């Protein structure tokens, strides 16, 4: 079957279902927390910290660091709440998302929209005032790309959604870095590249595992539109480009030799797993392994980067 023909655009039926789902009074503070997608925030929080730490080279202004972390968390939380707000009709179509706060009717959309606005306003004010104009601009760009460019536009219309949306996910370490340096230099570019290149292989692995769910929901994700084989091939260039980043960070004095060695080995291992996927017979098992490795890859890379920052 031609994979292009298997994609169907989202219908308005889910929107109608949302309107017909009356909000109830069962919402709790946990629902407000869940709207911010704590898993995403946790993984990005260490990236902000890593960026700040690398730029500081162990000469830490802890007060400014805490305020930068807080501002970035609020901005990321705002973007995630906007994402939940704009995706509320599509979330009803997927098994893993239909019980979220908005699709289940536990909160009114208007309340969620104001919640997103308040978080974003507080976060951006924090960054612009305490972390610098450049950090504030990076936070604004990240929030705009995720909430508007990715969620409202590309996620519904293009297979480029994952790659372009990765811009927002790559902003946290840059925010931490420029809060210290007040400039965009090679260090900021390398940190951006690390997080930017990490995201498509990570998300496409999940997309391969849940391809039928995304197809049913009408998302034009790469595995849905172009097929799993094409997605496997497209993962490889991102993994290849990740390989030299640890060596470049060492060569230009941002990190020590341990990060270069461990980071390179992790990148080569991930590349090896990605190439193995081209001949894998069980796509689901392979994608699960690739997805889990991607999580460990990022966590270990950032921890080693922090511990092996030069000083």
C-alpha atoms as a PDB file:
ATOM      1  CA  UNK A   1       0.000   0.000   0.000  1.00  0.00           C
ATOM      2  CA  UNK A   2       1.199   3.530  -0.770  1.00  0.00           C
ATOM      3  CA  UNK A   3       1.815   5.173   2.607  1.00  0.00           C
ATOM      4  CA  UNK A   4       0.854   8.569   1.194  1.00  0.00           C
ATOM      5  CA  UNK A   5      -2.656   7.253   0.606  1.00  0.00           C
ATOM      6  CA  UNK A   6      -3.011   5.895   4.138  1.00  0.00           C
ATOM      7  CA  UNK A   7      -2.928   9.316   5.779  1.00  0.00           C
ATOM      8  CA  UNK A   8      -6.209  11.054   6.537  1.00  0.00           C
ATOM      9  CA  UNK A   9      -6.519  14.600   7.765  1.00  0.00           C
ATOM     10  CA  UNK A  10      -8.200  15.163  11.127  1.00  0.00           C
ATOM     11  CA  UNK A  11     -11.953  15.584  10.993  1.00  0.00           C
ATOM     12  CA  UNK A  12     -14.119  17.938  13.005  1.00  0.00           C
ATOM     13  CA  UNK A  13     -15.838  15.100  14.872  1.00  0.00           C
ATOM     14  CA  UNK A  14     -13.418  15.229  17.772  1.00  0.00           C
ATOM     15  CA  UNK A  15     -13.956  18.981  18.099  1.00  0.00           C
ATOM     16  CA  UNK A  16     -17.680  18.356  18.295  1.00  0.00           C
ATOM     17  CA  UNK A  17     -17.068  15.719  20.979  1.00  0.00           C
ATOM     18  CA  UNK A  18     -15.078  18.223  23.012  1.00  0.00           C
ATOM     19  CA  UNK A  19     -17.892  20.729  22.897  1.00  0.00           C
ATOM     20  CA  UNK A  20     -20.327  18.054  23.965  1.00  0.00           C
ATOM     21  CA  UNK A  21     -18.197  16.943  26.915  1.00  0.00           C
ATOM     22  CA  UNK A  22     -19.350  19.019  29.893  1.00  0.00           C
ATOM     23  CA  UNK A  23     -16.619  20.130  32.286  1.00  0.00           C
ATOM     24  CA  UNK A  24     -17.007  18.577  35.687  1.00  0.00           C
ATOM     25  CA  UNK A  25     -15.800  19.512  39.132  1.00  0.00           C
ATOM     26  CA  UNK A  26     -13.370  16.648  39.539  1.00  0.00           C
ATOM     27  CA  UNK A  27     -10.266  18.640  38.541  1.00  0.00           C
ATOM     28  CA  UNK A  28      -7.504  18.760  41.153  1.00  0.00           C
ATOM     29  CA  UNK A  29      -4.128  20.427  41.476  1.00  0.00           C
ATOM     30  CA  UNK A  30      -2.689  17.283  39.882  1.00  0.00           C
ATOM     31  CA  UNK A  31      -4.565  18.116  36.686  1.00  0.00           C
ATOM     32  CA  UNK A  32      -2.929  21.534  36.564  1.00  0.00           C
ATOM     33  CA  UNK A  33       0.469  19.890  37.051  1.00  0.00           C
ATOM     34  CA  UNK A  34      -0.262  17.268  34.378  1.00  0.00           C
ATOM     35  CA  UNK A  35      -1.084  19.998  31.848  1.00  0.00           C
ATOM     36  CA  UNK A  36       2.520  21.208  32.080  1.00  0.00           C
ATOM     37  CA  UNK A  37       3.851  17.763  31.055  1.00  0.00           C
ATOM     38  CA  UNK A  38       6.244  17.247  34.008  1.00  0.00           C
ATOM     39  CA  UNK A  39       8.193  14.545  32.156  1.00  0.00           C
ATOM     40  CA  UNK A  40       9.205  17.007  29.456  1.00  0.00           C
ATOM     41  CA  UNK A  41      10.036  19.673  32.025  1.00  0.00           C
ATOM     42  CA  UNK A  42      12.213  17.318  34.084  1.00  0.00           C
ATOM     43  CA  UNK A  43      14.249  16.217  31.083  1.00  0.00           C
ATOM     44  CA  UNK A  44      14.730  19.800  29.912  1.00  0.00           C
ATOM     45  CA  UNK A  45      15.526  21.163  33.368  1.00  0.00           C
ATOM     46  CA  UNK A  46      18.817  19.285  33.438  1.00  0.00           C
ATOM     47  CA  UNK A  47      19.553  20.710  29.982  1.00  0.00           C
ATOM     48  CA  UNK A  48      19.107  24.279  31.273  1.00  0.00           C
ATOM     49  CA  UNK A  49      21.350  23.453  34.205  1.00  0.00           C
ATOM     50  CA  UNK A  50      23.974  21.923  31.896  1.00  0.00           C
ATOM     51  CA  UNK A  51      24.003  24.992  29.663  1.00  0.00           C
ATOM     52  CA  UNK A  52      24.381  27.326  32.631  1.00  0.00           C
ATOM     53  CA  UNK A  53      27.100  25.153  34.170  1.00  0.00           C
ATOM     54  CA  UNK A  54      29.134  24.857  30.952  1.00  0.00           C
ATOM     55  CA  UNK A  55      29.037  28.631  30.448  1.00  0.00           C
ATOM     56  CA  UNK A  56      29.951  29.315  34.084  1.00  0.00           C
ATOM     57  CA  UNK A  57      32.977  26.971  34.074  1.00  0.00           C
ATOM     58  CA  UNK A  58      32.404  26.279  37.795  1.00  0.00           C
ATOM     59  CA  UNK A  59      32.185  30.010  38.677  1.00  0.00           C
ATOM     60  CA  UNK A  60      28.512  29.810  39.593  1.00  0.00           C
ATOM     61  CA  UNK A  61      26.165  32.647  40.532  1.00  0.00           C
ATOM     62  CA  UNK A  62      23.660  30.416  42.273  1.00  0.00           C
ATOM     63  CA  UNK A  63      20.937  33.039  42.701  1.00  0.00           C
ATOM     64  CA  UNK A  64      20.912  33.845  39.005  1.00  0.00           C
ATOM     65  CA  UNK A  65      21.047  30.157  38.152  1.00  0.00           C
ATOM     66  CA  UNK A  66      17.961  29.400  40.270  1.00  0.00           C
ATOM     67  CA  UNK A  67      16.051  32.294  38.686  1.00  0.00           C
ATOM     68  CA  UNK A  68      17.076  31.124  35.202  1.00  0.00           C
ATOM     69  CA  UNK A  69      15.903  27.601  35.973  1.00  0.00           C
ATOM     70  CA  UNK A  70      12.616  28.929  37.344  1.00  0.00           C
ATOM     71  CA  UNK A  71      11.984  31.201  34.368  1.00  0.00           C
ATOM     72  CA  UNK A  72      12.738  28.469  31.879  1.00  0.00           C
ATOM     73  CA  UNK A  73      10.527  25.962  33.681  1.00  0.00           C
ATOM     74  CA  UNK A  74       7.621  28.418  33.625  1.00  0.00           C
ATOM     75  CA  UNK A  75       8.111  29.130  29.918  1.00  0.00           C
ATOM     76  CA  UNK A  76       8.328  25.411  29.081  1.00  0.00           C
ATOM     77  CA  UNK A  77       5.261  24.728  31.231  1.00  0.00           C
ATOM     78  CA  UNK A  78       3.357  27.459  29.414  1.00  0.00           C
ATOM     79  CA  UNK A  79       4.255  26.009  26.004  1.00  0.00           C
ATOM     80  CA  UNK A  80       3.117  22.556  27.135  1.00  0.00           C
ATOM     81  CA  UNK A  81      -0.198  23.895  28.446  1.00  0.00           C
ATOM     82  CA  UNK A  82      -0.778  25.727  25.147  1.00  0.00           C
ATOM     83  CA  UNK A  83      -0.001  22.422  23.425  1.00  0.00           C
ATOM     84  CA  UNK A  84      -2.660  20.671  25.512  1.00  0.00           C
ATOM     85  CA  UNK A  85      -5.145  23.457  24.772  1.00  0.00           C
ATOM     86  CA  UNK A  86      -4.680  23.447  20.998  1.00  0.00           C
ATOM     87  CA  UNK A  87      -4.521  19.631  20.786  1.00  0.00           C
ATOM     88  CA  UNK A  88      -7.581  18.963  22.915  1.00  0.00           C
ATOM     89  CA  UNK A  89      -9.739  17.754  20.017  1.00  0.00           C
ATOM     90  CA  UNK A  90      -7.023  15.535  18.544  1.00  0.00           C
ATOM     91  CA  UNK A  91      -6.140  14.064  21.943  1.00  0.00           C
ATOM     92  CA  UNK A  92      -9.565  12.408  22.034  1.00  0.00           C
ATOM     93  CA  UNK A  93      -8.572  10.241  19.081  1.00  0.00           C
ATOM     94  CA  UNK A  94      -5.544   8.591  20.711  1.00  0.00           C
ATOM     95  CA  UNK A  95      -5.691   5.958  23.423  1.00  0.00           C
ATOM     96  CA  UNK A  96      -2.743   7.398  25.349  1.00  0.00           C
ATOM     97  CA  UNK A  97      -4.103  10.976  25.391  1.00  0.00           C
ATOM     98  CA  UNK A  98      -7.889  10.753  25.586  1.00  0.00           C
ATOM     99  CA  UNK A  99      -7.874  10.735  29.402  1.00  0.00           C
ATOM    100  CA  UNK A 100      -5.963  13.997  29.679  1.00  0.00           C
ATOM    101  CA  UNK A 101      -7.562  16.853  31.590  1.00  0.00           C
ATOM    102  CA  UNK A 102      -9.153  18.667  28.629  1.00  0.00           C
ATOM    103  CA  UNK A 103     -10.430  15.720  26.552  1.00  0.00           C
ATOM    104  CA  UNK A 104     -12.001  14.218  29.655  1.00  0.00           C
ATOM    105  CA  UNK A 105     -13.705  17.519  30.491  1.00  0.00           C
ATOM    106  CA  UNK A 106     -12.186  18.043  33.930  1.00  0.00           C
ATOM    107  CA  UNK A 107     -11.262  21.663  33.119  1.00  0.00           C
ATOM    108  CA  UNK A 108     -12.772  24.290  30.845  1.00  0.00           C
ATOM    109  CA  UNK A 109     -10.638  25.269  27.821  1.00  0.00           C
ATOM    110  CA  UNK A 110     -10.849  28.939  28.855  1.00  0.00           C
ATOM    111  CA  UNK A 111      -9.299  28.139  32.248  1.00  0.00           C
ATOM    112  CA  UNK A 112      -6.474  26.224  30.611  1.00  0.00           C
ATOM    113  CA  UNK A 113      -5.820  29.055  28.147  1.00  0.00           C
ATOM    114  CA  UNK A 114      -5.501  31.624  30.923  1.00  0.00           C
ATOM    115  CA  UNK A 115      -3.295  29.219  32.855  1.00  0.00           C
ATOM    116  CA  UNK A 116      -0.944  28.954  29.870  1.00  0.00           C
ATOM    117  CA  UNK A 117      -0.855  32.728  29.456  1.00  0.00           C
ATOM    118  CA  UNK A 118      -0.083  33.327  33.144  1.00  0.00           C
ATOM    119  CA  UNK A 119       2.754  30.787  33.193  1.00  0.00           C
ATOM    120  CA  UNK A 120       4.273  32.252  30.045  1.00  0.00           C
ATOM    121  CA  UNK A 121       4.033  35.849  31.244  1.00  0.00           C
ATOM    122  CA  UNK A 122       5.684  35.007  34.569  1.00  0.00           C
ATOM    123  CA  UNK A 123       8.408  32.918  32.942  1.00  0.00           C
ATOM    124  CA  UNK A 124       9.315  35.469  30.289  1.00  0.00           C
ATOM    125  CA  UNK A 125       9.307  38.304  32.826  1.00  0.00           C
ATOM    126  CA  UNK A 126      11.679  36.277  35.006  1.00  0.00           C
ATOM    127  CA  UNK A 127      14.070  35.583  32.117  1.00  0.00           C
ATOM    128  CA  UNK A 128      14.102  39.109  30.689  1.00  0.00           C
ATOM    129  CA  UNK A 129      14.580  40.735  34.099  1.00  0.00           C
ATOM    130  CA  UNK A 130      16.990  38.345  35.834  1.00  0.00           C
ATOM    131  CA  UNK A 131      18.698  36.330  33.073  1.00  0.00           C
ATOM    132  CA  UNK A 132      19.082  38.942  30.353  1.00  0.00           C
ATOM    133  CA  UNK A 133      17.365  40.013  27.160  1.00  0.00           C
ATOM    134  CA  UNK A 134      18.985  37.263  25.083  1.00  0.00           C
ATOM    135  CA  UNK A 135      17.785  34.538  27.480  1.00  0.00           C
ATOM    136  CA  UNK A 136      14.300  36.046  27.343  1.00  0.00           C
ATOM    137  CA  UNK A 137      14.327  36.088  23.542  1.00  0.00           C
ATOM    138  CA  UNK A 138      15.442  32.438  23.442  1.00  0.00           C
ATOM    139  CA  UNK A 139      12.621  31.539  25.836  1.00  0.00           C
ATOM    140  CA  UNK A 140      10.114  33.411  23.676  1.00  0.00           C
ATOM    141  CA  UNK A 141      11.365  31.691  20.507  1.00  0.00           C
ATOM    142  CA  UNK A 142      11.134  28.271  22.145  1.00  0.00           C
ATOM    143  CA  UNK A 143       7.592  28.896  23.370  1.00  0.00           C
ATOM    144  CA  UNK A 144       6.441  30.342  20.021  1.00  0.00           C
ATOM    145  CA  UNK A 145       7.885  27.465  17.968  1.00  0.00           C
ATOM    146  CA  UNK A 146       6.352  24.798  20.206  1.00  0.00           C
ATOM    147  CA  UNK A 147       2.917  26.346  20.735  1.00  0.00           C
ATOM    148  CA  UNK A 148       2.327  28.005  17.364  1.00  0.00           C
ATOM    149  CA  UNK A 149       4.658  26.693  14.657  1.00  0.00           C
ATOM    150  CA  UNK A 150       4.696  23.082  15.849  1.00  0.00           C
ATOM    151  CA  UNK A 151       1.354  22.535  17.590  1.00  0.00           C
ATOM    152  CA  UNK A 152      -0.992  24.763  15.598  1.00  0.00           C
ATOM    153  CA  UNK A 153       0.590  24.448  12.160  1.00  0.00           C
ATOM    154  CA  UNK A 154       3.143  21.754  11.278  1.00  0.00           C
ATOM    155  CA  UNK A 155       1.875  18.991  13.563  1.00  0.00           C
ATOM    156  CA  UNK A 156      -1.369  19.034  11.600  1.00  0.00           C
ATOM    157  CA  UNK A 157       0.010  19.557   8.110  1.00  0.00           C
ATOM    158  CA  UNK A 158       3.577  18.350   7.550  1.00  0.00           C
ATOM    159  CA  UNK A 159       6.114  15.613   8.218  1.00  0.00           C
ATOM    160  CA  UNK A 160       8.549  18.452   8.982  1.00  0.00           C
ATOM    161  CA  UNK A 161       6.814  19.004  12.317  1.00  0.00           C
ATOM    162  CA  UNK A 162       9.322  16.874  14.234  1.00  0.00           C
ATOM    163  CA  UNK A 163      12.431  18.516  12.784  1.00  0.00           C
ATOM    164  CA  UNK A 164      11.196  22.116  13.003  1.00  0.00           C
ATOM    165  CA  UNK A 165       9.618  21.501  16.394  1.00  0.00           C
ATOM    166  CA  UNK A 166      13.028  20.358  17.650  1.00  0.00           C
ATOM    167  CA  UNK A 167      14.060  24.031  17.685  1.00  0.00           C
ATOM    168  CA  UNK A 168      11.951  24.573  20.800  1.00  0.00           C
ATOM    169  CA  UNK A 169      13.350  21.503  22.529  1.00  0.00           C
ATOM    170  CA  UNK A 170      16.900  22.694  21.847  1.00  0.00           C
ATOM    171  CA  UNK A 171      16.384  26.091  23.487  1.00  0.00           C
ATOM    172  CA  UNK A 172      16.661  25.163  27.216  1.00  0.00           C
ATOM    173  CA  UNK A 173      20.464  24.621  27.298  1.00  0.00           C
ATOM    174  CA  UNK A 174      20.924  27.753  25.194  1.00  0.00           C
ATOM    175  CA  UNK A 175      18.850  29.770  27.675  1.00  0.00           C
ATOM    176  CA  UNK A 176      21.053  28.531  30.511  1.00  0.00           C
ATOM    177  CA  UNK A 177      24.219  29.277  28.529  1.00  0.00           C
ATOM    178  CA  UNK A 178      23.356  32.815  27.378  1.00  0.00           C
ATOM    179  CA  UNK A 179      22.125  33.746  30.850  1.00  0.00           C
ATOM    180  CA  UNK A 180      25.814  33.591  31.801  1.00  0.00           C
ATOM    181  CA  UNK A 181      27.590  34.714  28.622  1.00  0.00           C
ATOM    182  CA  UNK A 182      24.994  37.170  27.276  1.00  0.00           C
ATOM    183  CA  UNK A 183      25.978  36.164  23.742  1.00  0.00           C
ATOM    184  CA  UNK A 184      25.482  33.433  21.168  1.00  0.00           C
ATOM    185  CA  UNK A 185      28.835  31.803  20.477  1.00  0.00           C
ATOM    186  CA  UNK A 186      30.125  28.361  19.471  1.00  0.00           C
ATOM    187  CA  UNK A 187      29.302  26.916  22.893  1.00  0.00           C
ATOM    188  CA  UNK A 188      25.640  27.900  22.518  1.00  0.00           C
ATOM    189  CA  UNK A 189      25.578  26.506  18.973  1.00  0.00           C
ATOM    190  CA  UNK A 190      27.005  23.130  20.052  1.00  0.00           C
ATOM    191  CA  UNK A 191      24.556  22.829  22.951  1.00  0.00           C
ATOM    192  CA  UNK A 192      21.710  23.691  20.592  1.00  0.00           C
ATOM    193  CA  UNK A 193      22.947  21.121  18.065  1.00  0.00           C
ATOM    194  CA  UNK A 194      23.148  18.358  20.682  1.00  0.00           C
ATOM    195  CA  UNK A 195      19.525  18.785  21.760  1.00  0.00           C
ATOM    196  CA  UNK A 196      18.253  19.559  18.251  1.00  0.00           C
ATOM    197  CA  UNK A 197      19.772  16.446  16.663  1.00  0.00           C
ATOM    198  CA  UNK A 198      18.700  14.238  19.582  1.00  0.00           C
ATOM    199  CA  UNK A 199      14.970  14.893  19.202  1.00  0.00           C
ATOM    200  CA  UNK A 200      13.927  13.508  15.776  1.00  0.00           C
ATOM    201  CA  UNK A 201      15.440  10.008  16.304  1.00  0.00           C
ATOM    202  CA  UNK A 202      13.949   9.950  19.796  1.00  0.00           C
ATOM    203  CA  UNK A 203      10.462  10.949  18.668  1.00  0.00           C
ATOM    204  CA  UNK A 204      10.413   8.955  15.437  1.00  0.00           C
ATOM    205  CA  UNK A 205      11.249   5.812  17.421  1.00  0.00           C
ATOM    206  CA  UNK A 206       8.113   6.466  19.471  1.00  0.00           C
ATOM    207  CA  UNK A 207       6.216   7.266  16.271  1.00  0.00           C
ATOM    208  CA  UNK A 208       7.148   3.902  14.748  1.00  0.00           C
ATOM    209  CA  UNK A 209       5.879   2.098  17.837  1.00  0.00           C
ATOM    210  CA  UNK A 210       2.572   4.000  17.820  1.00  0.00           C
ATOM    211  CA  UNK A 211       2.207   4.502  14.080  1.00  0.00           C
ATOM    212  CA  UNK A 212      -1.364   3.199  13.921  1.00  0.00           C
ATOM    213  CA  UNK A 213      -2.477   5.480  16.750  1.00  0.00           C
ATOM    214  CA  UNK A 214      -1.018   8.507  14.964  1.00  0.00           C
ATOM    215  CA  UNK A 215      -2.581   7.359  11.694  1.00  0.00           C
ATOM    216  CA  UNK A 216      -6.012   7.047  13.318  1.00  0.00           C
ATOM    217  CA  UNK A 217      -5.670  10.481  14.921  1.00  0.00           C
ATOM    218  CA  UNK A 218      -4.753  12.030  11.577  1.00  0.00           C
ATOM    219  CA  UNK A 219      -1.244  13.206  12.458  1.00  0.00           C
ATOM    220  CA  UNK A 220       1.021  13.445   9.365  1.00  0.00           C
ATOM    221  CA  UNK A 221       3.970  12.011  11.263  1.00  0.00           C
ATOM    222  CA  UNK A 222       6.827  10.740   9.114  1.00  0.00           C
ATOM    223  CA  UNK A 223       6.158   6.990   9.733  1.00  0.00           C
ATOM    224  CA  UNK A 224       2.498   7.544   8.853  1.00  0.00           C
ATOM    225  CA  UNK A 225       3.028   9.497   5.635  1.00  0.00           C
ATOM    226  CA  UNK A 226       6.318   8.127   4.305  1.00  0.00           C
ATOM    227  CA  UNK A 227       6.399   4.729   5.979  1.00  0.00           C
ATOM    228  CA  UNK A 228       8.583   3.021   8.569  1.00  0.00           C
ATOM    229  CA  UNK A 229      11.411   2.167   6.159  1.00  0.00           C
ATOM    230  CA  UNK A 230      11.830   5.798   5.107  1.00  0.00           C
ATOM    231  CA  UNK A 231      11.742   6.880   8.755  1.00  0.00           C
ATOM    232  CA  UNK A 232      14.530   4.442   9.638  1.00  0.00           C
ATOM    233  CA  UNK A 233      16.679   5.895   6.858  1.00  0.00           C
ATOM    234  CA  UNK A 234      15.957   9.479   7.892  1.00  0.00           C
ATOM    235  CA  UNK A 235      17.010   8.779  11.482  1.00  0.00           C
ATOM    236  CA  UNK A 236      20.601   7.963  10.404  1.00  0.00           C
ATOM    237  CA  UNK A 237      21.804  11.480   9.376  1.00  0.00           C
ATOM    238  CA  UNK A 238      20.768  12.921  12.746  1.00  0.00           C
ATOM    239  CA  UNK A 239      22.686  10.204  14.592  1.00  0.00           C
ATOM    240  CA  UNK A 240      25.736  10.710  12.353  1.00  0.00           C
ATOM    241  CA  UNK A 241      25.796  14.447  13.029  1.00  0.00           C
ATOM    242  CA  UNK A 242      25.675  13.814  16.781  1.00  0.00           C
ATOM    243  CA  UNK A 243      28.958  11.857  16.755  1.00  0.00           C
ATOM    244  CA  UNK A 244      31.437  14.790  16.459  1.00  0.00           C
ATOM    245  CA  UNK A 245      29.750  17.097  18.980  1.00  0.00           C
ATOM    246  CA  UNK A 246      31.506  15.754  22.133  1.00  0.00           C
ATOM    247  CA  UNK A 247      34.886  16.035  20.383  1.00  0.00           C
ATOM    248  CA  UNK A 248      34.120  19.602  19.288  1.00  0.00           C
ATOM    249  CA  UNK A 249      33.094  20.611  22.804  1.00  0.00           C
ATOM    250  CA  UNK A 250      36.386  19.207  24.080  1.00  0.00           C
ATOM    251  CA  UNK A 251      38.472  20.738  21.285  1.00  0.00           C
ATOM    252  CA  UNK A 252      37.142  24.230  21.980  1.00  0.00           C
ATOM    253  CA  UNK A 253      37.547  23.943  25.749  1.00  0.00           C
ATOM    254  CA  UNK A 254      33.949  23.698  26.892  1.00  0.00           C
ATOM    255  CA  UNK A 255      34.235  20.212  28.405  1.00  0.00           C
ATOM    256  CA  UNK A 256      36.970  17.774  29.410  1.00  0.00           C
ATOM    257  CA  UNK A 257      38.249  14.603  27.830  1.00  0.00           C
ATOM    258  CA  UNK A 258      35.899  12.315  29.776  1.00  0.00           C
ATOM    259  CA  UNK A 259      32.862  13.874  28.138  1.00  0.00           C
ATOM    260  CA  UNK A 260      34.540  13.553  24.761  1.00  0.00           C
ATOM    261  CA  UNK A 261      35.199   9.837  25.288  1.00  0.00           C
ATOM    262  CA  UNK A 262      31.894   8.901  26.927  1.00  0.00           C
ATOM    263  CA  UNK A 263      29.796  11.167  24.708  1.00  0.00           C
ATOM    264  CA  UNK A 264      31.414   9.808  21.555  1.00  0.00           C
ATOM    265  CA  UNK A 265      30.929   6.211  22.653  1.00  0.00           C
ATOM    266  CA  UNK A 266      27.282   6.879  23.448  1.00  0.00           C
ATOM    267  CA  UNK A 267      26.767   8.538  20.055  1.00  0.00           C
ATOM    268  CA  UNK A 268      28.449   5.692  18.195  1.00  0.00           C
ATOM    269  CA  UNK A 269      26.361   3.126  20.081  1.00  0.00           C
ATOM    270  CA  UNK A 270      23.167   4.969  19.209  1.00  0.00           C
ATOM    271  CA  UNK A 271      24.278   5.199  15.568  1.00  0.00           C
ATOM    272  CA  UNK A 272      24.965   1.445  15.568  1.00  0.00           C
ATOM    273  CA  UNK A 273      21.469   0.747  16.931  1.00  0.00           C
ATOM    274  CA  UNK A 274      19.994   3.049  14.307  1.00  0.00           C
ATOM    275  CA  UNK A 275      21.808   1.289  11.447  1.00  0.00           C
ATOM    276  CA  UNK A 276      20.711  -2.104  12.807  1.00  0.00           C
ATOM    277  CA  UNK A 277      17.135  -0.939  12.344  1.00  0.00           C
ATOM    278  CA  UNK A 278      17.566  -0.994   8.568  1.00  0.00           C
ATOM    279  CA  UNK A 279      17.612  -4.799   8.684  1.00  0.00           C
ATOM    280  CA  UNK A 280      15.495  -5.366  11.809  1.00  0.00           C
ATOM    281  CA  UNK A 281      12.680  -7.867  11.353  1.00  0.00           C
ATOM    282  CA  UNK A 282      10.714  -6.737  14.423  1.00  0.00           C
ATOM    283  CA  UNK A 283      10.203  -2.992  13.989  1.00  0.00           C
ATOM    284  CA  UNK A 284       8.399  -2.556  17.296  1.00  0.00           C
ATOM    285  CA  UNK A 285      11.119  -4.262  19.359  1.00  0.00           C
ATOM    286  CA  UNK A 286      13.842  -2.292  17.563  1.00  0.00           C
ATOM    287  CA  UNK A 287      12.011   1.029  17.975  1.00  0.00           C
ATOM    288  CA  UNK A 288      11.468   0.356  21.680  1.00  0.00           C
ATOM    289  CA  UNK A 289      15.181  -0.311  22.157  1.00  0.00           C
ATOM    290  CA  UNK A 290      16.105   2.837  20.210  1.00  0.00           C
ATOM    291  CA  UNK A 291      13.626   4.950  22.180  1.00  0.00           C
ATOM    292  CA  UNK A 292      14.833   3.744  25.571  1.00  0.00           C
ATOM    293  CA  UNK A 293      18.459   4.228  24.576  1.00  0.00           C
ATOM    294  CA  UNK A 294      17.704   7.782  23.454  1.00  0.00           C
ATOM    295  CA  UNK A 295      16.448   8.671  26.944  1.00  0.00           C
ATOM    296  CA  UNK A 296      19.519   7.187  28.609  1.00  0.00           C
ATOM    297  CA  UNK A 297      21.765   8.825  26.003  1.00  0.00           C
ATOM    298  CA  UNK A 298      20.571  12.324  26.810  1.00  0.00           C
ATOM    299  CA  UNK A 299      20.579  11.855  30.580  1.00  0.00           C
ATOM    300  CA  UNK A 300      24.080  10.371  30.697  1.00  0.00           C
ATOM    301  CA  UNK A 301      25.471  12.889  28.198  1.00  0.00           C
ATOM    302  CA  UNK A 302      24.239  15.879  30.187  1.00  0.00           C
ATOM    303  CA  UNK A 303      25.384  14.475  33.532  1.00  0.00           C
ATOM    304  CA  UNK A 304      28.877  13.737  32.223  1.00  0.00           C
ATOM    305  CA  UNK A 305      28.971  17.150  30.540  1.00  0.00           C
ATOM    306  CA  UNK A 306      28.196  18.858  33.850  1.00  0.00           C
ATOM    307  CA  UNK A 307      30.718  16.825  35.830  1.00  0.00           C
ATOM    308  CA  UNK A 308      33.438  17.216  33.206  1.00  0.00           C
ATOM    309  CA  UNK A 309      33.069  20.928  32.470  1.00  0.00           C
ATOM    310  CA  UNK A 310      36.525  22.519  32.286  1.00  0.00           C
ATOM    311  CA  UNK A 311      37.599  25.106  34.831  1.00  0.00           C
END
